[in-house]
Amino acid sequence: MTRIVHISDLHFGRDRPELLRPLREAIDLAEPDLICVSGDLTQRARPGQFRAARKFLDLLSAPWIAVPGNHDTPLDNLFVRFARPWKRWRRYVSPELEPVWDGPDCAVVGLNTADPLAWQRGRLRPRGLSRIKGRLGEAAKAGHTAIVMMHHPPEQLEADEKQPMRGASHGLHRLAEMNADIVLCGHLHVWRARPVFQSEGILLLQVGTGLSTRGRGEPNDFNVMTLENSGLALDRYGAGARETGFTRLSSHRFEKQNGRWQEL
């Protein structure tokens, strides 16, 4: 059994300071084996915002891995944005843009979908997909759950206002071929948990924002995932507009049967 906390879109620089301690305490109370942070740690990729994000992460009791989001490339210095877009990320967060983590029954691999040449729209790069092919293959051979973490959702609904990620459809096809089981993402500040329409063998788990003031009508939230055999127990925790603590909002159970995810 492996327990993973998934948080996203912390947006330090436009965060809710009153939720810092409650969020940290709620995550620690879940006793995760790993914390996955799917991008947008900062609002404007400024050094002070990165330092605040790193301080928050370092206070957590469990190990964590993170991938960049579109807000994590600098806007205050265009030369740095285009010539060295990941300089601040590597200095303050991690030298890795696409981290990996191996657990007893799962593998988590990161994909960097942030594009310094675009403001919001992401890009699913063929090189990144080729890079994780071996890892996902090893997980499949071992009978482990293969989890891919990225910032931008590889599939959106018609009602979503932001532009879909470049290369998303082809990328989902490749991920299905490589036996990916779960995709973790953020970006839209909305919560969703469902099999992707293009391939029901991939479960899309999308959280909203952990700390940002821009909740888009949804509470600040995070997920707790518990992997057991071929099943997944998923608990969503959130804080209301006037609350200072996080409480469980919903619980879900998914199982993968005959190569397809189903909610029980």
Foldseek 3Di string as FASTA:
>chain_A
DFKEKEAEQCAQVQFDVLQLVQLLVVVLVLVGQEYEYAENQHQALDLVSLQVSLVSQVPHPHYYDYAYALNNFHDVDLCCLPVPRCPSVCVRPNVDRWDWDDDPAEIETEFEQHDSVDRHATERDPVRLVVCLVVLLVNVVVNHAYEYEHAFDLDDDPPQDDDHHHCSLVSVVSCVVSQHQEYEYERRLDFDWAQDPSFQLYIYTYHGHQTGPPNVPDFRWMWMWDDDRQKIKIWIWGADPPGSHIDTDDIWMWGQDPSGIDTD
